[in-house]
Amino acid sequence: MQPYDVAFIGHMCFDAITPFGGEEKVAPGSAVLCGAMVAARIGKRVAAIVKMAPDDAPILDPMTAVGIDTFLIPAKETTFSKVFHPVADVDIRELTILKSAGVIDSTELPDISVNHVHLAGISDTEFDMDLIASLAARSHTLSVDMQSFVRQVDPDTRVIAFADVPDKKAIAEMMDLIKMDVVEAKLLTGTDDLERAAAIVADWGCPEVVITQSDGVLARHNGKTCYERFSNKSTIGRTGRGDTTFAAYLSHRIDHDAQQSLIFAAALCSVKMESVGPFTGTIQDVELRIQEQHSRRESCT
């Protein structure tokens, strides 16, 4: 059997999202869901390895419906997160993890053949250094979303605080790609200048870095950086922006260069942000958006 192009590992969860001035709505979510749906819809062979309560397995149906092979690691409960927008700025959010499926142990992972593994966590309750070291020792390439460590859940209040990560350099040394947003980048590197932040992470030992912010996304590879602006006409689907962007970049990067992958990722996520939920479009939708809004080709620096 051919190996999977990419496997996404993390928690499946329920997201209770309250927009500014709106009502709370609960729906299945997670970085795994957002990422895996993107990779599958653009034609990649995808596995989703999720830790969750078996009774909630029906929430995996949207992934299986688009050809994603799901592997469920049983937990006592499924992660439940709350996202509250107190002001109109969609990048200002209050995050709480009311329930967590718990840390994933390397012994719980299925025995599958895969070319790339992405650690798609939403908080520090999912991965530990033992798991990362175990994955880094295998033959596939490896990436991580640094929100998996920067978002730190208070054990009593369950509120997420954003903080620096003591093991950040050790994590970077084991990665082939790292994904961050501008808030995480500043906490980890001390600067919100995306180009400088990416260079710092590269100096820690990770050769490729992707950083998102509200108006666009930067990629650094082999000492060169490129930036592409988003072209979305609304932000109704802002939740999952970073997960979607990185999954699009990672999936396209399999057979394209960094600049082409960055343009593709920015265009795809722009389409996604104009509707609620994971990306439901097609490659044709993305190609049209590229032609209309992202056809400019600037050299990387």
C-alpha atoms as a PDB file:
ATOM      1  CA  MET A   1       0.000   0.000   0.000  1.00  0.00           C
ATOM      2  CA  GLN A   2       1.205   3.494  -0.834  1.00  0.00           C
ATOM      3  CA  PRO A   3       2.181   5.556   2.230  1.00  0.00           C
ATOM      4  CA  TYR A   4      -0.022   8.440   3.311  1.00  0.00           C
ATOM      5  CA  ASP A   5       1.176  11.806   2.061  1.00  0.00           C
ATOM      6  CA  VAL A   6       0.512  13.339   5.469  1.00  0.00           C
ATOM      7  CA  ALA A   7      -0.861  12.312   8.845  1.00  0.00           C
ATOM      8  CA  PHE A   8      -2.364  14.865  11.240  1.00  0.00           C
ATOM      9  CA  ILE A   9      -2.122  13.995  14.941  1.00  0.00           C
ATOM     10  CA  GLY A  10      -4.030  15.656  17.785  1.00  0.00           C
ATOM     11  CA  HIS A  11      -7.336  15.931  19.580  1.00  0.00           C
ATOM     12  CA  MET A  12     -10.711  16.013  17.904  1.00  0.00           C
ATOM     13  CA  CYS A  13     -12.901  18.408  19.852  1.00  0.00           C
ATOM     14  CA  PHE A  14     -16.126  20.316  20.176  1.00  0.00           C
ATOM     15  CA  ASP A  15     -15.761  24.085  19.727  1.00  0.00           C
ATOM     16  CA  ALA A  16     -18.258  26.426  21.364  1.00  0.00           C
ATOM     17  CA  ILE A  17     -17.713  29.673  19.457  1.00  0.00           C
ATOM     18  CA  THR A  18     -19.322  32.967  20.486  1.00  0.00           C
ATOM     19  CA  PRO A  19     -18.789  35.772  17.948  1.00  0.00           C
ATOM     20  CA  PHE A  20     -18.829  39.391  19.101  1.00  0.00           C
ATOM     21  CA  GLY A  21     -22.448  40.356  19.664  1.00  0.00           C
ATOM     22  CA  GLY A  22     -23.646  36.913  18.574  1.00  0.00           C
ATOM     23  CA  GLU A  23     -24.873  33.655  20.039  1.00  0.00           C
ATOM     24  CA  GLU A  24     -22.769  30.645  20.988  1.00  0.00           C
ATOM     25  CA  LYS A  25     -22.722  27.802  18.485  1.00  0.00           C
ATOM     26  CA  VAL A  26     -21.184  24.376  19.136  1.00  0.00           C
ATOM     27  CA  ALA A  27     -19.659  22.321  16.337  1.00  0.00           C
ATOM     28  CA  PRO A  28     -16.913  19.717  15.861  1.00  0.00           C
ATOM     29  CA  GLY A  29     -13.525  21.285  15.392  1.00  0.00           C
ATOM     30  CA  SER A  30      -9.775  21.017  15.972  1.00  0.00           C
ATOM     31  CA  ALA A  31      -6.560  21.694  14.129  1.00  0.00           C
ATOM     32  CA  VAL A  32      -6.642  18.097  12.891  1.00  0.00           C
ATOM     33  CA  LEU A  33     -10.078  18.553  11.307  1.00  0.00           C
ATOM     34  CA  CYS A  34      -9.208  21.865   9.628  1.00  0.00           C
ATOM     35  CA  GLY A  35      -5.890  20.586   8.349  1.00  0.00           C
ATOM     36  CA  ALA A  36      -6.912  17.121   7.204  1.00  0.00           C
ATOM     37  CA  MET A  37      -9.933  18.434   5.296  1.00  0.00           C
ATOM     38  CA  VAL A  38      -7.705  20.807   3.339  1.00  0.00           C
ATOM     39  CA  ALA A  39      -5.162  18.140   2.423  1.00  0.00           C
ATOM     40  CA  ALA A  40      -7.856  15.680   1.333  1.00  0.00           C
ATOM     41  CA  ARG A  41      -9.783  18.211  -0.749  1.00  0.00           C
ATOM     42  CA  ILE A  42      -6.698  19.062  -2.773  1.00  0.00           C
ATOM     43  CA  GLY A  43      -6.040  15.427  -3.557  1.00  0.00           C
ATOM     44  CA  LYS A  44      -3.583  14.161  -0.961  1.00  0.00           C
ATOM     45  CA  ARG A  45      -3.748  10.775   0.767  1.00  0.00           C
ATOM     46  CA  VAL A  46      -4.469  11.689   4.374  1.00  0.00           C
ATOM     47  CA  ALA A  47      -4.614  10.025   7.777  1.00  0.00           C
ATOM     48  CA  ALA A  48      -6.098  11.657  10.878  1.00  0.00           C
ATOM     49  CA  ILE A  49      -4.949  10.230  14.198  1.00  0.00           C
ATOM     50  CA  VAL A  50      -7.195  11.616  16.936  1.00  0.00           C
ATOM     51  CA  LYS A  51      -7.574  11.080  20.662  1.00  0.00           C
ATOM     52  CA  MET A  52     -11.182  11.358  21.800  1.00  0.00           C
ATOM     53  CA  ALA A  53     -14.077   9.499  23.442  1.00  0.00           C
ATOM     54  CA  PRO A  54     -15.254   6.614  21.218  1.00  0.00           C
ATOM     55  CA  ASP A  55     -18.905   7.563  21.854  1.00  0.00           C
ATOM     56  CA  ASP A  56     -18.295  10.761  19.874  1.00  0.00           C
ATOM     57  CA  ALA A  57     -16.887   8.949  16.829  1.00  0.00           C
ATOM     58  CA  PRO A  58     -19.702  10.214  14.525  1.00  0.00           C
ATOM     59  CA  ILE A  59     -18.020  13.638  14.463  1.00  0.00           C
ATOM     60  CA  LEU A  60     -15.296  12.001  12.365  1.00  0.00           C
ATOM     61  CA  ASP A  61     -17.797  11.344   9.558  1.00  0.00           C
ATOM     62  CA  PRO A  62     -17.039  14.558   7.600  1.00  0.00           C
ATOM     63  CA  MET A  63     -13.429  13.425   7.298  1.00  0.00           C
ATOM     64  CA  THR A  64     -14.201   9.873   6.246  1.00  0.00           C
ATOM     65  CA  ALA A  65     -16.688  11.263   3.716  1.00  0.00           C
ATOM     66  CA  VAL A  66     -13.847  12.955   1.796  1.00  0.00           C
ATOM     67  CA  GLY A  67     -11.559   9.931   1.909  1.00  0.00           C
ATOM     68  CA  ILE A  68      -9.546  10.583   5.063  1.00  0.00           C
ATOM     69  CA  ASP A  69      -8.600   7.446   6.998  1.00  0.00           C
ATOM     70  CA  THR A  70      -9.269   8.103  10.688  1.00  0.00           C
ATOM     71  CA  PHE A  71      -7.569   6.339  13.579  1.00  0.00           C
ATOM     72  CA  LEU A  72      -9.226   6.849  16.961  1.00  0.00           C
ATOM     73  CA  ILE A  73      -7.174   6.688  20.154  1.00  0.00           C
ATOM     74  CA  PRO A  74      -9.752   6.133  22.921  1.00  0.00           C
ATOM     75  CA  ALA A  75     -10.004   8.633  25.790  1.00  0.00           C
ATOM     76  CA  LYS A  76     -12.425   9.086  28.672  1.00  0.00           C
ATOM     77  CA  GLU A  77     -13.720  12.337  27.213  1.00  0.00           C
ATOM     78  CA  THR A  78     -13.531  14.401  24.066  1.00  0.00           C
ATOM     79  CA  THR A  79     -11.837  17.788  24.268  1.00  0.00           C
ATOM     80  CA  PHE A  80     -14.284  20.688  24.596  1.00  0.00           C
ATOM     81  CA  SER A  81     -13.083  24.223  23.935  1.00  0.00           C
ATOM     82  CA  LYS A  82     -14.761  27.625  24.198  1.00  0.00           C
ATOM     83  CA  VAL A  83     -13.819  30.539  21.943  1.00  0.00           C
ATOM     84  CA  PHE A  84     -15.251  33.910  22.955  1.00  0.00           C
ATOM     85  CA  HIS A  85     -14.810  37.102  20.917  1.00  0.00           C
ATOM     86  CA  PRO A  86     -15.271  40.031  23.359  1.00  0.00           C
ATOM     87  CA  VAL A  87     -14.742  42.736  20.694  1.00  0.00           C
ATOM     88  CA  ALA A  88     -15.232  43.109  16.952  1.00  0.00           C
ATOM     89  CA  ASP A  89     -11.540  42.385  16.196  1.00  0.00           C
ATOM     90  CA  VAL A  90     -11.631  38.681  15.269  1.00  0.00           C
ATOM     91  CA  ASP A  91      -8.017  38.199  16.363  1.00  0.00           C
ATOM     92  CA  ILE A  92      -8.877  38.985  19.996  1.00  0.00           C
ATOM     93  CA  ARG A  93     -10.220  35.807  21.559  1.00  0.00           C
ATOM     94  CA  GLU A  94     -10.672  34.300  25.006  1.00  0.00           C
ATOM     95  CA  LEU A  95      -9.947  30.573  24.951  1.00  0.00           C
ATOM     96  CA  THR A  96     -10.884  27.894  27.479  1.00  0.00           C
ATOM     97  CA  ILE A  97     -10.404  24.117  27.422  1.00  0.00           C
ATOM     98  CA  LEU A  98     -13.211  22.746  29.599  1.00  0.00           C
ATOM     99  CA  LYS A  99     -12.378  19.094  28.869  1.00  0.00           C
ATOM    100  CA  SER A 100      -9.287  17.395  27.459  1.00  0.00           C
ATOM    101  CA  ALA A 101      -8.704  13.940  26.030  1.00  0.00           C
ATOM    102  CA  GLY A 102      -5.189  14.001  27.511  1.00  0.00           C
ATOM    103  CA  VAL A 103      -1.620  13.590  26.310  1.00  0.00           C
ATOM    104  CA  ILE A 104      -1.033  11.228  23.392  1.00  0.00           C
ATOM    105  CA  ASP A 105       1.535   8.519  24.109  1.00  0.00           C
ATOM    106  CA  SER A 106       3.780   7.208  21.338  1.00  0.00           C
ATOM    107  CA  THR A 107       2.605   3.661  22.120  1.00  0.00           C
ATOM    108  CA  GLU A 108      -0.943   4.713  21.193  1.00  0.00           C
ATOM    109  CA  LEU A 109      -0.063   5.625  17.608  1.00  0.00           C
ATOM    110  CA  PRO A 110      -1.173   3.289  14.812  1.00  0.00           C
ATOM    111  CA  ASP A 111       1.456   1.482  12.757  1.00  0.00           C
ATOM    112  CA  ILE A 112       1.063   3.212   9.394  1.00  0.00           C
ATOM    113  CA  SER A 113       3.395   4.260   6.602  1.00  0.00           C
ATOM    114  CA  VAL A 114       3.444   8.027   6.087  1.00  0.00           C
ATOM    115  CA  ASN A 115       5.713  10.539   4.370  1.00  0.00           C
ATOM    116  CA  HIS A 116       5.017  13.485   6.676  1.00  0.00           C
ATOM    117  CA  VAL A 117       3.527  13.831  10.169  1.00  0.00           C
ATOM    118  CA  HIS A 118       2.061  17.086  11.465  1.00  0.00           C
ATOM    119  CA  LEU A 119       1.426  17.610  15.169  1.00  0.00           C
ATOM    120  CA  ALA A 120      -1.801  19.600  15.048  1.00  0.00           C
ATOM    121  CA  GLY A 121      -2.601  20.469  18.650  1.00  0.00           C
ATOM    122  CA  ILE A 122      -4.769  23.223  20.071  1.00  0.00           C
ATOM    123  CA  SER A 123      -3.204  23.381  23.559  1.00  0.00           C
ATOM    124  CA  ASP A 124      -0.437  21.993  25.749  1.00  0.00           C
ATOM    125  CA  THR A 125      -2.619  19.065  26.857  1.00  0.00           C
ATOM    126  CA  GLU A 126      -1.865  16.936  23.762  1.00  0.00           C
ATOM    127  CA  PHE A 127       1.870  16.339  23.157  1.00  0.00           C
ATOM    128  CA  ASP A 128       4.978  15.859  25.293  1.00  0.00           C
ATOM    129  CA  MET A 129       8.681  15.677  24.503  1.00  0.00           C
ATOM    130  CA  ASP A 130       8.738  11.876  24.585  1.00  0.00           C
ATOM    131  CA  LEU A 131       6.181  11.722  21.775  1.00  0.00           C
ATOM    132  CA  ILE A 132       8.067  14.316  19.716  1.00  0.00           C
ATOM    133  CA  ALA A 133      11.385  12.502  20.134  1.00  0.00           C
ATOM    134  CA  SER A 134       9.782   9.212  19.136  1.00  0.00           C
ATOM    135  CA  LEU A 135       8.305  10.727  15.967  1.00  0.00           C
ATOM    136  CA  ALA A 136      11.524  12.579  15.102  1.00  0.00           C
ATOM    137  CA  ALA A 137      13.429   9.286  15.183  1.00  0.00           C
ATOM    138  CA  ARG A 138      11.257   7.800  12.438  1.00  0.00           C
ATOM    139  CA  SER A 139      11.836   8.019   8.690  1.00  0.00           C
ATOM    140  CA  HIS A 140       9.105  10.576   7.867  1.00  0.00           C
ATOM    141  CA  THR A 141       9.473  14.341   7.999  1.00  0.00           C
ATOM    142  CA  LEU A 142       7.853  16.164  10.907  1.00  0.00           C
ATOM    143  CA  SER A 143       6.161  19.491  11.619  1.00  0.00           C
ATOM    144  CA  VAL A 144       4.389  21.075  14.557  1.00  0.00           C
ATOM    145  CA  ASP A 145       1.992  23.895  15.308  1.00  0.00           C
ATOM    146  CA  MET A 146       3.578  25.830  18.167  1.00  0.00           C
ATOM    147  CA  GLN A 147       0.136  26.724  19.524  1.00  0.00           C
ATOM    148  CA  SER A 148       0.344  23.157  20.871  1.00  0.00           C
ATOM    149  CA  PHE A 149       2.784  24.477  23.495  1.00  0.00           C
ATOM    150  CA  VAL A 150       2.245  28.239  23.696  1.00  0.00           C
ATOM    151  CA  ARG A 151      -1.419  27.757  24.659  1.00  0.00           C
ATOM    152  CA  GLN A 152      -1.106  26.635  28.260  1.00  0.00           C
ATOM    153  CA  VAL A 153      -4.210  25.435  30.103  1.00  0.00           C
ATOM    154  CA  ASP A 154      -4.577  26.400  33.761  1.00  0.00           C
ATOM    155  CA  PRO A 155      -5.365  23.125  35.596  1.00  0.00           C
ATOM    156  CA  ASP A 156      -7.905  24.840  37.874  1.00  0.00           C
ATOM    157  CA  THR A 157      -9.683  27.496  35.796  1.00  0.00           C
ATOM    158  CA  ARG A 158      -9.136  25.728  32.422  1.00  0.00           C
ATOM    159  CA  VAL A 159      -8.435  29.149  30.896  1.00  0.00           C
ATOM    160  CA  ILE A 160      -5.702  29.236  28.255  1.00  0.00           C
ATOM    161  CA  ALA A 161      -2.802  31.587  28.889  1.00  0.00           C
ATOM    162  CA  PHE A 162      -0.231  32.298  26.185  1.00  0.00           C
ATOM    163  CA  ALA A 163       3.342  31.873  27.422  1.00  0.00           C
ATOM    164  CA  ASP A 164       6.877  31.061  26.339  1.00  0.00           C
ATOM    165  CA  VAL A 165       7.940  27.425  25.969  1.00  0.00           C
ATOM    166  CA  PRO A 166      11.107  26.290  27.824  1.00  0.00           C
ATOM    167  CA  ASP A 167      11.688  23.406  25.375  1.00  0.00           C
ATOM    168  CA  LYS A 168      11.209  25.534  22.237  1.00  0.00           C
ATOM    169  CA  LYS A 169      14.776  25.129  20.943  1.00  0.00           C
ATOM    170  CA  ALA A 170      14.768  21.384  21.533  1.00  0.00           C
ATOM    171  CA  ILE A 171      11.447  21.143  19.704  1.00  0.00           C
ATOM    172  CA  ALA A 172      12.737  23.218  16.776  1.00  0.00           C
ATOM    173  CA  GLU A 173      15.810  21.029  16.385  1.00  0.00           C
ATOM    174  CA  MET A 174      13.588  17.995  15.804  1.00  0.00           C
ATOM    175  CA  MET A 175      11.322  19.671  13.235  1.00  0.00           C
ATOM    176  CA  ASP A 176      11.455  19.952   9.454  1.00  0.00           C
ATOM    177  CA  LEU A 177       8.743  22.651   9.481  1.00  0.00           C
ATOM    178  CA  ILE A 178       7.241  24.854  12.186  1.00  0.00           C
ATOM    179  CA  LYS A 179       3.957  26.761  12.099  1.00  0.00           C
ATOM    180  CA  MET A 180       3.207  29.797  14.299  1.00  0.00           C
ATOM    181  CA  ASP A 181       1.077  32.906  14.296  1.00  0.00           C
ATOM    182  CA  VAL A 182       2.388  36.375  15.073  1.00  0.00           C
ATOM    183  CA  VAL A 183       1.345  36.219  18.747  1.00  0.00           C
ATOM    184  CA  GLU A 184       3.126  32.905  19.255  1.00  0.00           C
ATOM    185  CA  ALA A 185       6.140  34.157  17.316  1.00  0.00           C
ATOM    186  CA  LYS A 186       6.536  37.165  19.603  1.00  0.00           C
ATOM    187  CA  LEU A 187       6.231  35.048  22.746  1.00  0.00           C
ATOM    188  CA  LEU A 188       8.805  32.558  21.502  1.00  0.00           C
ATOM    189  CA  THR A 189      11.315  34.884  19.820  1.00  0.00           C
ATOM    190  CA  GLY A 190      10.722  38.279  21.423  1.00  0.00           C
ATOM    191  CA  THR A 191       9.764  40.016  18.180  1.00  0.00           C
ATOM    192  CA  ASP A 192       6.602  40.435  16.117  1.00  0.00           C
ATOM    193  CA  ASP A 193       8.646  41.207  13.007  1.00  0.00           C
ATOM    194  CA  LEU A 194       7.800  38.065  11.058  1.00  0.00           C
ATOM    195  CA  GLU A 195      11.013  37.941   9.056  1.00  0.00           C
ATOM    196  CA  ARG A 196      13.196  38.314  12.153  1.00  0.00           C
ATOM    197  CA  ALA A 197      11.118  35.795  14.115  1.00  0.00           C
ATOM    198  CA  ALA A 198      11.399  33.211  11.334  1.00  0.00           C
ATOM    199  CA  ALA A 199      15.174  33.730  11.160  1.00  0.00           C
ATOM    200  CA  ILE A 200      15.477  33.166  14.913  1.00  0.00           C
ATOM    201  CA  VAL A 201      13.537  29.898  14.728  1.00  0.00           C
ATOM    202  CA  ALA A 202      15.692  28.814  11.790  1.00  0.00           C
ATOM    203  CA  ASP A 203      18.756  29.468  13.921  1.00  0.00           C
ATOM    204  CA  TRP A 204      17.313  27.072  16.499  1.00  0.00           C
ATOM    205  CA  GLY A 205      17.570  24.322  13.900  1.00  0.00           C
ATOM    206  CA  CYS A 206      14.305  24.234  11.921  1.00  0.00           C
ATOM    207  CA  PRO A 207      14.943  24.824   8.192  1.00  0.00           C
ATOM    208  CA  GLU A 208      11.414  25.907   7.220  1.00  0.00           C
ATOM    209  CA  VAL A 209       9.062  28.228   9.106  1.00  0.00           C
ATOM    210  CA  VAL A 210       5.539  29.478   8.354  1.00  0.00           C
ATOM    211  CA  ILE A 211       4.026  32.387  10.324  1.00  0.00           C
ATOM    212  CA  THR A 212       0.506  33.765   9.903  1.00  0.00           C
ATOM    213  CA  GLN A 213      -0.983  37.090  10.920  1.00  0.00           C
ATOM    214  CA  SER A 214      -4.269  38.846  10.248  1.00  0.00           C
ATOM    215  CA  ASP A 215      -3.433  40.123   6.768  1.00  0.00           C
ATOM    216  CA  GLY A 216      -1.187  37.387   5.401  1.00  0.00           C
ATOM    217  CA  VAL A 217       1.410  34.663   5.797  1.00  0.00           C
ATOM    218  CA  LEU A 218       5.202  34.440   5.657  1.00  0.00           C
ATOM    219  CA  ALA A 219       7.345  31.438   4.771  1.00  0.00           C
ATOM    220  CA  ARG A 220      11.086  31.067   5.270  1.00  0.00           C
ATOM    221  CA  HIS A 221      13.058  28.279   3.615  1.00  0.00           C
ATOM    222  CA  ASN A 222      16.815  27.926   3.172  1.00  0.00           C
ATOM    223  CA  GLY A 223      17.403  31.507   4.278  1.00  0.00           C
ATOM    224  CA  LYS A 224      14.851  33.094   1.927  1.00  0.00           C
ATOM    225  CA  THR A 225      11.558  34.630   3.019  1.00  0.00           C
ATOM    226  CA  CYS A 226       8.355  35.274   1.072  1.00  0.00           C
ATOM    227  CA  TYR A 227       5.130  36.972   2.150  1.00  0.00           C
ATOM    228  CA  GLU A 228       1.636  36.705   0.677  1.00  0.00           C
ATOM    229  CA  ARG A 229      -1.435  38.696   1.710  1.00  0.00           C
ATOM    230  CA  PHE A 230      -4.841  37.135   2.242  1.00  0.00           C
ATOM    231  CA  SER A 231      -7.599  38.240  -0.144  1.00  0.00           C
ATOM    232  CA  ASN A 232     -10.721  37.288   1.834  1.00  0.00           C
ATOM    233  CA  LYS A 233     -13.761  39.550   1.575  1.00  0.00           C
ATOM    234  CA  SER A 234     -15.043  38.656   5.059  1.00  0.00           C
ATOM    235  CA  THR A 235     -13.776  37.064   8.287  1.00  0.00           C
ATOM    236  CA  ILE A 236     -16.836  34.999   9.158  1.00  0.00           C
ATOM    237  CA  GLY A 237     -14.689  31.857   8.980  1.00  0.00           C
ATOM    238  CA  ARG A 238     -11.678  33.226  10.846  1.00  0.00           C
ATOM    239  CA  THR A 239     -11.533  30.244  13.268  1.00  0.00           C
ATOM    240  CA  GLY A 240      -9.038  27.757  11.802  1.00  0.00           C
ATOM    241  CA  ARG A 241      -7.181  30.368   9.744  1.00  0.00           C
ATOM    242  CA  GLY A 242      -3.701  29.261  10.774  1.00  0.00           C
ATOM    243  CA  ASP A 243      -4.491  25.540  10.672  1.00  0.00           C
ATOM    244  CA  THR A 244      -5.959  25.875   7.190  1.00  0.00           C
ATOM    245  CA  THR A 245      -3.110  28.007   5.865  1.00  0.00           C
ATOM    246  CA  PHE A 246      -0.420  25.664   7.095  1.00  0.00           C
ATOM    247  CA  ALA A 247      -2.196  22.520   5.890  1.00  0.00           C
ATOM    248  CA  ALA A 248      -2.547  24.061   2.436  1.00  0.00           C
ATOM    249  CA  TYR A 249       1.115  25.079   2.434  1.00  0.00           C
ATOM    250  CA  LEU A 250       2.282  21.690   3.684  1.00  0.00           C
ATOM    251  CA  SER A 251       0.163  19.731   1.210  1.00  0.00           C
ATOM    252  CA  HIS A 252       1.113  21.853  -1.804  1.00  0.00           C
ATOM    253  CA  ARG A 253       4.759  21.828  -0.728  1.00  0.00           C
ATOM    254  CA  ILE A 254       4.961  18.094  -1.446  1.00  0.00           C
ATOM    255  CA  ASP A 255       5.399  18.853  -5.140  1.00  0.00           C
ATOM    256  CA  HIS A 256       5.929  22.644  -5.368  1.00  0.00           C
ATOM    257  CA  ASP A 257       8.481  25.162  -4.145  1.00  0.00           C
ATOM    258  CA  ALA A 258       8.041  27.344  -1.068  1.00  0.00           C
ATOM    259  CA  GLN A 259       6.852  30.478  -2.901  1.00  0.00           C
ATOM    260  CA  GLN A 260       4.276  28.620  -4.996  1.00  0.00           C
ATOM    261  CA  SER A 261       3.048  26.837  -1.874  1.00  0.00           C
ATOM    262  CA  LEU A 262       2.751  30.110   0.018  1.00  0.00           C
ATOM    263  CA  ILE A 263       0.634  31.712  -2.710  1.00  0.00           C
ATOM    264  CA  PHE A 264      -1.558  28.610  -2.882  1.00  0.00           C
ATOM    265  CA  ALA A 265      -1.995  28.555   0.909  1.00  0.00           C
ATOM    266  CA  ALA A 266      -2.921  32.245   1.148  1.00  0.00           C
ATOM    267  CA  ALA A 267      -5.453  31.896  -1.656  1.00  0.00           C
ATOM    268  CA  LEU A 268      -7.033  28.733  -0.231  1.00  0.00           C
ATOM    269  CA  CYS A 269      -7.336  30.180   3.275  1.00  0.00           C
ATOM    270  CA  SER A 270      -8.816  33.376   1.860  1.00  0.00           C
ATOM    271  CA  VAL A 271     -11.579  31.305   0.282  1.00  0.00           C
ATOM    272  CA  LYS A 272     -12.056  29.386   3.545  1.00  0.00           C
ATOM    273  CA  MET A 273     -12.396  32.522   5.685  1.00  0.00           C
ATOM    274  CA  GLU A 274     -15.422  33.631   3.691  1.00  0.00           C
ATOM    275  CA  SER A 275     -17.541  30.810   5.157  1.00  0.00           C
ATOM    276  CA  VAL A 276     -17.821  29.100   8.545  1.00  0.00           C
ATOM    277  CA  GLY A 277     -16.137  25.774   9.184  1.00  0.00           C
ATOM    278  CA  PRO A 278     -13.346  23.796   7.497  1.00  0.00           C
ATOM    279  CA  PHE A 279     -12.444  24.395   3.857  1.00  0.00           C
ATOM    280  CA  THR A 280     -15.107  22.931   1.559  1.00  0.00           C
ATOM    281  CA  GLY A 281     -13.861  24.233  -1.781  1.00  0.00           C
ATOM    282  CA  THR A 282     -11.903  22.694  -4.629  1.00  0.00           C
ATOM    283  CA  ILE A 283      -8.543  23.152  -6.292  1.00  0.00           C
ATOM    284  CA  GLN A 284     -10.396  24.980  -9.042  1.00  0.00           C
ATOM    285  CA  ASP A 285     -11.722  27.493  -6.498  1.00  0.00           C
ATOM    286  CA  VAL A 286      -8.190  28.106  -5.287  1.00  0.00           C
ATOM    287  CA  GLU A 287      -6.762  28.421  -8.793  1.00  0.00           C
ATOM    288  CA  LEU A 288      -9.437  30.968  -9.676  1.00  0.00           C
ATOM    289  CA  ARG A 289      -8.626  32.990  -6.545  1.00  0.00           C
ATOM    290  CA  ILE A 290      -4.944  32.895  -7.443  1.00  0.00           C
ATOM    291  CA  GLN A 291      -5.699  34.190 -10.953  1.00  0.00           C
ATOM    292  CA  GLU A 292      -7.940  36.960  -9.642  1.00  0.00           C
ATOM    293  CA  GLN A 293      -6.087  38.092  -6.518  1.00  0.00           C
ATOM    294  CA  HIS A 294      -2.701  36.374  -6.206  1.00  0.00           C
ATOM    295  CA  SER A 295      -1.214  36.371  -9.699  1.00  0.00           C
ATOM    296  CA  ARG A 296       1.560  38.783  -8.726  1.00  0.00           C
ATOM    297  CA  ARG A 297       4.947  37.070  -8.376  1.00  0.00           C
ATOM    298  CA  GLU A 298       7.446  38.928  -6.232  1.00  0.00           C
ATOM    299  CA  SER A 299      10.937  37.610  -5.600  1.00  0.00           C
ATOM    300  CA  CYS A 300      11.690  36.345  -2.133  1.00  0.00           C
ATOM    301  CA  THR A 301      14.305  38.051   0.015  1.00  0.00           C
END
